N, C-alpha and C. Protein backbone atom coordinates (compact mmCIF):
# COMPACT_ATOMS: atom_id res chain seq x y z
N GLN A 1 15.71 -20.82 -4.64
CA GLN A 1 14.36 -21.22 -5.00
C GLN A 1 13.42 -20.83 -3.88
N TRP A 2 12.27 -20.30 -4.27
CA TRP A 2 11.29 -19.83 -3.29
C TRP A 2 10.52 -21.00 -2.73
N SER A 3 10.33 -20.99 -1.40
CA SER A 3 9.68 -22.11 -0.72
C SER A 3 8.17 -22.08 -0.84
N GLY A 4 7.60 -20.98 -1.34
CA GLY A 4 6.16 -20.87 -1.43
C GLY A 4 5.55 -20.25 -0.19
N ARG A 5 6.38 -19.92 0.80
CA ARG A 5 5.90 -19.30 2.02
C ARG A 5 6.45 -17.89 2.11
N LEU A 6 5.60 -16.96 2.52
CA LEU A 6 6.06 -15.60 2.74
C LEU A 6 6.81 -15.52 4.05
N PRO A 7 7.87 -14.73 4.11
CA PRO A 7 8.59 -14.58 5.37
C PRO A 7 7.75 -13.78 6.36
N THR A 8 7.98 -14.01 7.63
CA THR A 8 7.31 -13.23 8.66
C THR A 8 8.37 -12.61 9.56
N ALA A 9 7.92 -11.71 10.42
CA ALA A 9 8.86 -11.05 11.33
C ALA A 9 9.55 -12.05 12.24
N ASN A 10 8.95 -13.23 12.43
CA ASN A 10 9.52 -14.24 13.32
C ASN A 10 10.34 -15.29 12.57
N SER A 11 10.42 -15.19 11.24
CA SER A 11 11.17 -16.18 10.46
C SER A 11 12.65 -16.11 10.80
N ALA A 12 13.28 -17.25 10.81
CA ALA A 12 14.72 -17.29 11.06
C ALA A 12 15.44 -16.50 9.99
N GLY A 13 16.35 -15.64 10.40
CA GLY A 13 17.13 -14.86 9.46
C GLY A 13 16.42 -13.64 8.92
N SER A 14 15.18 -13.42 9.32
CA SER A 14 14.43 -12.27 8.82
C SER A 14 14.51 -11.13 9.83
N SER A 15 14.68 -9.92 9.34
CA SER A 15 14.63 -8.78 10.24
C SER A 15 13.55 -7.84 9.76
N PHE A 16 12.85 -7.21 10.68
CA PHE A 16 11.72 -6.36 10.37
C PHE A 16 12.10 -5.33 9.33
N GLY A 17 11.30 -5.21 8.26
CA GLY A 17 11.53 -4.23 7.22
C GLY A 17 12.52 -4.65 6.16
N GLN A 18 13.08 -5.84 6.27
CA GLN A 18 14.08 -6.28 5.30
C GLN A 18 13.69 -7.63 4.69
N GLN A 19 12.41 -7.91 4.60
CA GLN A 19 11.96 -9.19 4.09
C GLN A 19 12.31 -9.31 2.61
N THR A 20 12.66 -10.53 2.21
CA THR A 20 12.98 -10.75 0.82
C THR A 20 12.35 -12.04 0.33
N LEU A 21 12.09 -12.10 -0.94
CA LEU A 21 11.68 -13.32 -1.61
C LEU A 21 12.72 -13.53 -2.70
N ALA A 22 13.44 -14.62 -2.65
CA ALA A 22 14.48 -14.92 -3.62
C ALA A 22 15.43 -13.73 -3.78
N GLY A 23 15.82 -13.12 -2.65
CA GLY A 23 16.77 -12.02 -2.68
C GLY A 23 16.18 -10.68 -3.04
N ARG A 24 14.86 -10.58 -3.17
CA ARG A 24 14.23 -9.32 -3.53
C ARG A 24 13.34 -8.84 -2.38
N LYS A 25 13.21 -7.53 -2.26
CA LYS A 25 12.36 -6.95 -1.23
C LYS A 25 10.89 -7.27 -1.55
N ALA A 26 10.14 -7.75 -0.56
CA ALA A 26 8.72 -8.03 -0.75
C ALA A 26 7.93 -6.74 -0.65
N VAL A 27 7.12 -6.49 -1.68
CA VAL A 27 6.28 -5.29 -1.74
C VAL A 27 4.83 -5.75 -1.89
N ALA A 28 3.96 -5.27 -1.00
CA ALA A 28 2.54 -5.56 -1.10
C ALA A 28 1.88 -4.44 -1.89
N VAL A 29 0.89 -4.78 -2.70
CA VAL A 29 0.14 -3.80 -3.48
C VAL A 29 -1.32 -3.91 -3.06
N TYR A 30 -1.90 -2.78 -2.66
CA TYR A 30 -3.26 -2.74 -2.12
C TYR A 30 -4.08 -1.81 -3.00
N PHE A 31 -4.97 -2.38 -3.81
CA PHE A 31 -5.84 -1.62 -4.70
C PHE A 31 -7.17 -1.36 -4.02
N GLY A 32 -7.78 -0.21 -4.32
CA GLY A 32 -9.12 0.06 -3.82
C GLY A 32 -9.58 1.45 -4.20
N THR A 33 -10.84 1.69 -3.93
CA THR A 33 -11.42 3.01 -4.18
C THR A 33 -11.07 3.96 -3.05
N PHE A 34 -11.07 3.45 -1.83
CA PHE A 34 -10.75 4.25 -0.63
C PHE A 34 -11.66 5.48 -0.57
N ASP A 35 -12.95 5.24 -0.69
CA ASP A 35 -13.94 6.32 -0.70
C ASP A 35 -15.00 6.06 0.37
N PRO A 36 -14.71 6.49 1.56
CA PRO A 36 -13.51 7.18 2.05
C PRO A 36 -12.50 6.17 2.59
N PRO A 37 -11.24 6.61 2.72
CA PRO A 37 -10.29 5.74 3.41
C PRO A 37 -10.68 5.70 4.89
N HIS A 38 -10.58 4.53 5.48
CA HIS A 38 -10.97 4.40 6.90
C HIS A 38 -9.95 3.57 7.66
N GLU A 39 -10.19 3.39 8.93
CA GLU A 39 -9.21 2.72 9.80
C GLU A 39 -8.99 1.26 9.43
N ASN A 40 -9.96 0.59 8.84
CA ASN A 40 -9.71 -0.79 8.42
C ASN A 40 -8.72 -0.84 7.26
N HIS A 41 -8.78 0.15 6.35
CA HIS A 41 -7.76 0.23 5.29
C HIS A 41 -6.38 0.41 5.93
N ALA A 42 -6.28 1.36 6.83
CA ALA A 42 -5.00 1.64 7.49
C ALA A 42 -4.55 0.43 8.31
N GLY A 43 -5.47 -0.22 8.97
CA GLY A 43 -5.14 -1.38 9.78
C GLY A 43 -4.55 -2.52 8.97
N LEU A 44 -5.07 -2.73 7.78
CA LEU A 44 -4.54 -3.79 6.92
C LEU A 44 -3.11 -3.48 6.49
N VAL A 45 -2.85 -2.22 6.14
CA VAL A 45 -1.50 -1.81 5.76
C VAL A 45 -0.55 -1.97 6.94
N GLU A 46 -0.96 -1.47 8.10
CA GLU A 46 -0.11 -1.54 9.29
C GLU A 46 0.14 -2.98 9.72
N PHE A 47 -0.88 -3.83 9.63
CA PHE A 47 -0.72 -5.24 9.97
C PHE A 47 0.28 -5.92 9.03
N THR A 48 0.14 -5.66 7.74
CA THR A 48 1.04 -6.25 6.75
C THR A 48 2.49 -5.90 7.06
N LEU A 49 2.73 -4.64 7.38
CA LEU A 49 4.10 -4.20 7.68
C LEU A 49 4.57 -4.71 9.03
N SER A 50 3.73 -4.65 10.04
CA SER A 50 4.16 -5.05 11.38
C SER A 50 4.40 -6.55 11.50
N GLN A 51 3.71 -7.35 10.69
CA GLN A 51 3.90 -8.80 10.74
C GLN A 51 5.00 -9.27 9.81
N GLY A 52 5.66 -8.33 9.12
CA GLY A 52 6.75 -8.70 8.24
C GLY A 52 6.31 -9.37 6.96
N LEU A 53 5.07 -9.18 6.56
CA LEU A 53 4.58 -9.79 5.33
C LEU A 53 5.09 -9.07 4.09
N ALA A 54 5.53 -7.83 4.27
CA ALA A 54 6.12 -7.04 3.19
C ALA A 54 7.01 -5.98 3.81
N ALA A 55 7.98 -5.53 3.05
CA ALA A 55 8.87 -4.47 3.52
C ALA A 55 8.28 -3.10 3.23
N GLU A 56 7.40 -3.03 2.23
CA GLU A 56 6.70 -1.78 1.95
C GLU A 56 5.37 -2.10 1.30
N VAL A 57 4.47 -1.12 1.30
CA VAL A 57 3.15 -1.27 0.70
C VAL A 57 2.93 -0.13 -0.29
N VAL A 58 2.46 -0.49 -1.48
CA VAL A 58 2.04 0.50 -2.46
C VAL A 58 0.51 0.49 -2.45
N VAL A 59 -0.08 1.63 -2.09
CA VAL A 59 -1.53 1.76 -2.08
C VAL A 59 -1.92 2.39 -3.42
N VAL A 60 -2.75 1.67 -4.18
CA VAL A 60 -3.18 2.14 -5.50
C VAL A 60 -4.64 2.57 -5.39
N VAL A 61 -4.86 3.87 -5.49
CA VAL A 61 -6.21 4.43 -5.41
C VAL A 61 -6.82 4.39 -6.81
N ASN A 62 -7.97 3.73 -6.94
CA ASN A 62 -8.63 3.65 -8.24
C ASN A 62 -9.02 5.04 -8.73
N GLN A 63 -8.96 5.21 -10.05
CA GLN A 63 -9.34 6.47 -10.68
C GLN A 63 -10.83 6.74 -10.52
N ASP A 64 -11.21 7.96 -10.88
CA ASP A 64 -12.62 8.33 -10.85
C ASP A 64 -13.41 7.40 -11.78
N ASN A 65 -14.60 7.05 -11.35
CA ASN A 65 -15.46 6.15 -12.10
C ASN A 65 -16.71 6.92 -12.52
N LEU A 66 -16.93 7.03 -13.80
CA LEU A 66 -18.10 7.77 -14.30
C LEU A 66 -19.42 7.16 -13.84
N MET A 67 -19.38 5.89 -13.45
CA MET A 67 -20.59 5.22 -12.95
C MET A 67 -20.87 5.58 -11.48
N LYS A 68 -19.95 6.29 -10.85
CA LYS A 68 -20.12 6.72 -9.47
C LYS A 68 -19.96 8.24 -9.42
N PRO A 69 -20.97 8.98 -9.89
CA PRO A 69 -20.82 10.44 -10.01
C PRO A 69 -20.69 11.18 -8.68
N PHE A 70 -21.04 10.54 -7.58
CA PHE A 70 -20.97 11.22 -6.29
C PHE A 70 -19.74 10.84 -5.48
N ALA A 71 -18.85 10.09 -6.10
CA ALA A 71 -17.62 9.69 -5.41
C ALA A 71 -16.69 10.89 -5.27
N VAL A 72 -15.90 10.86 -4.23
CA VAL A 72 -14.88 11.89 -4.01
C VAL A 72 -13.84 11.75 -5.12
N PRO A 73 -13.36 12.86 -5.72
CA PRO A 73 -12.36 12.76 -6.78
C PRO A 73 -11.10 12.01 -6.33
N ALA A 74 -10.49 11.29 -7.26
CA ALA A 74 -9.32 10.46 -6.95
C ALA A 74 -8.21 11.27 -6.30
N ALA A 75 -7.97 12.47 -6.79
CA ALA A 75 -6.88 13.29 -6.22
C ALA A 75 -7.13 13.57 -4.73
N ASP A 76 -8.38 13.79 -4.36
CA ASP A 76 -8.70 14.03 -2.96
C ASP A 76 -8.55 12.75 -2.13
N ARG A 77 -8.92 11.61 -2.71
CA ARG A 77 -8.77 10.34 -1.99
C ARG A 77 -7.29 10.01 -1.79
N VAL A 78 -6.46 10.29 -2.80
CA VAL A 78 -5.02 10.10 -2.66
C VAL A 78 -4.49 10.96 -1.52
N ALA A 79 -4.91 12.22 -1.49
CA ALA A 79 -4.46 13.14 -0.44
C ALA A 79 -4.88 12.64 0.94
N MET A 80 -6.10 12.11 1.05
CA MET A 80 -6.56 11.59 2.35
C MET A 80 -5.75 10.38 2.80
N VAL A 81 -5.44 9.47 1.87
CA VAL A 81 -4.65 8.29 2.21
C VAL A 81 -3.23 8.71 2.60
N GLU A 82 -2.64 9.62 1.82
CA GLU A 82 -1.30 10.10 2.15
C GLU A 82 -1.27 10.76 3.52
N ALA A 83 -2.28 11.58 3.81
CA ALA A 83 -2.34 12.26 5.11
C ALA A 83 -2.46 11.25 6.25
N ARG A 84 -3.19 10.18 6.04
CA ARG A 84 -3.38 9.17 7.09
C ARG A 84 -2.05 8.54 7.50
N PHE A 85 -1.15 8.33 6.55
CA PHE A 85 0.10 7.67 6.86
C PHE A 85 1.28 8.62 7.06
N ALA A 86 1.12 9.88 6.73
CA ALA A 86 2.24 10.84 6.75
C ALA A 86 2.96 10.90 8.09
N ALA A 87 2.23 10.93 9.16
CA ALA A 87 2.84 11.13 10.48
C ALA A 87 2.95 9.83 11.28
N THR A 88 2.88 8.70 10.60
CA THR A 88 2.92 7.43 11.33
C THR A 88 4.29 6.78 11.20
N GLU A 89 4.51 5.80 12.04
CA GLU A 89 5.76 5.05 12.02
C GLU A 89 5.96 4.32 10.70
N VAL A 90 4.87 3.86 10.09
CA VAL A 90 4.98 3.10 8.84
C VAL A 90 4.93 4.00 7.61
N GLY A 91 4.70 5.29 7.79
CA GLY A 91 4.51 6.20 6.67
C GLY A 91 5.61 6.18 5.63
N ARG A 92 6.84 6.02 6.05
CA ARG A 92 7.96 6.01 5.09
C ARG A 92 7.99 4.73 4.27
N ARG A 93 7.19 3.75 4.65
CA ARG A 93 7.16 2.47 3.94
C ARG A 93 5.87 2.29 3.14
N VAL A 94 5.11 3.40 3.00
CA VAL A 94 3.86 3.37 2.25
C VAL A 94 3.95 4.38 1.12
N THR A 95 3.68 3.93 -0.10
CA THR A 95 3.63 4.79 -1.27
C THR A 95 2.21 4.80 -1.78
N VAL A 96 1.67 5.98 -2.09
CA VAL A 96 0.30 6.09 -2.58
C VAL A 96 0.34 6.60 -4.01
N ILE A 97 -0.31 5.86 -4.91
CA ILE A 97 -0.40 6.28 -6.31
C ILE A 97 -1.84 6.08 -6.78
N THR A 98 -2.13 6.56 -7.99
CA THR A 98 -3.43 6.28 -8.60
C THR A 98 -3.24 5.20 -9.65
N SER A 99 -4.32 4.56 -10.02
CA SER A 99 -4.22 3.43 -10.95
C SER A 99 -3.73 3.83 -12.33
N MET A 100 -3.84 5.10 -12.71
CA MET A 100 -3.36 5.53 -14.04
C MET A 100 -1.96 6.09 -14.00
N GLU A 101 -1.41 6.33 -12.85
CA GLU A 101 -0.14 7.02 -12.74
C GLU A 101 0.99 6.29 -13.47
N GLU A 102 1.02 4.97 -13.38
CA GLU A 102 2.07 4.18 -14.01
C GLU A 102 2.02 4.31 -15.53
N ASP A 103 0.82 4.23 -16.10
CA ASP A 103 0.67 4.26 -17.55
C ASP A 103 0.67 5.67 -18.13
N HIS A 104 0.26 6.65 -17.32
CA HIS A 104 0.11 8.02 -17.79
C HIS A 104 0.67 8.99 -16.77
N PRO A 105 2.00 9.03 -16.62
CA PRO A 105 2.61 9.92 -15.61
C PRO A 105 2.15 11.37 -15.81
N GLY A 106 1.80 12.01 -14.71
CA GLY A 106 1.40 13.40 -14.75
C GLY A 106 -0.04 13.63 -15.14
N ARG A 107 -0.76 12.58 -15.51
CA ARG A 107 -2.16 12.74 -15.91
C ARG A 107 -3.12 12.21 -14.88
N ALA A 108 -2.61 11.61 -13.81
CA ALA A 108 -3.48 11.02 -12.80
C ALA A 108 -4.15 12.08 -11.96
C-alpha cells in the first residue's frame, strides 16, 4: 500500500534512479509549450531526477497552436529540448515526445 509520500534520494531503502511507488518505477510527466525551452525548464527536470522524485521524466511538447501563429513549430521545439538533454548526465532518463504522438504515431 502506498503511503502517500513520494520517495526521495534520502529515503531509507531508496537508491538514486530506482525509485518505486508500490513496486513500480516513478515517472514524472512534464507538459508545456517550451517556446523556447530555457534553463528553468531544464532545471526542473534535473531537480526532479537529482532529488529522486522520479526515475525518469517524459517531456511532452504541446502541438502547434493555430492561435499562436508565430510560435516555433512543435518539431523544432522537440529538437531543441532533445538537444538540451542529449549530452547531459540525465539525458538517458529523459524522453521527449509531442502531445499527439501517443494518439497518432508518426503524425506528430
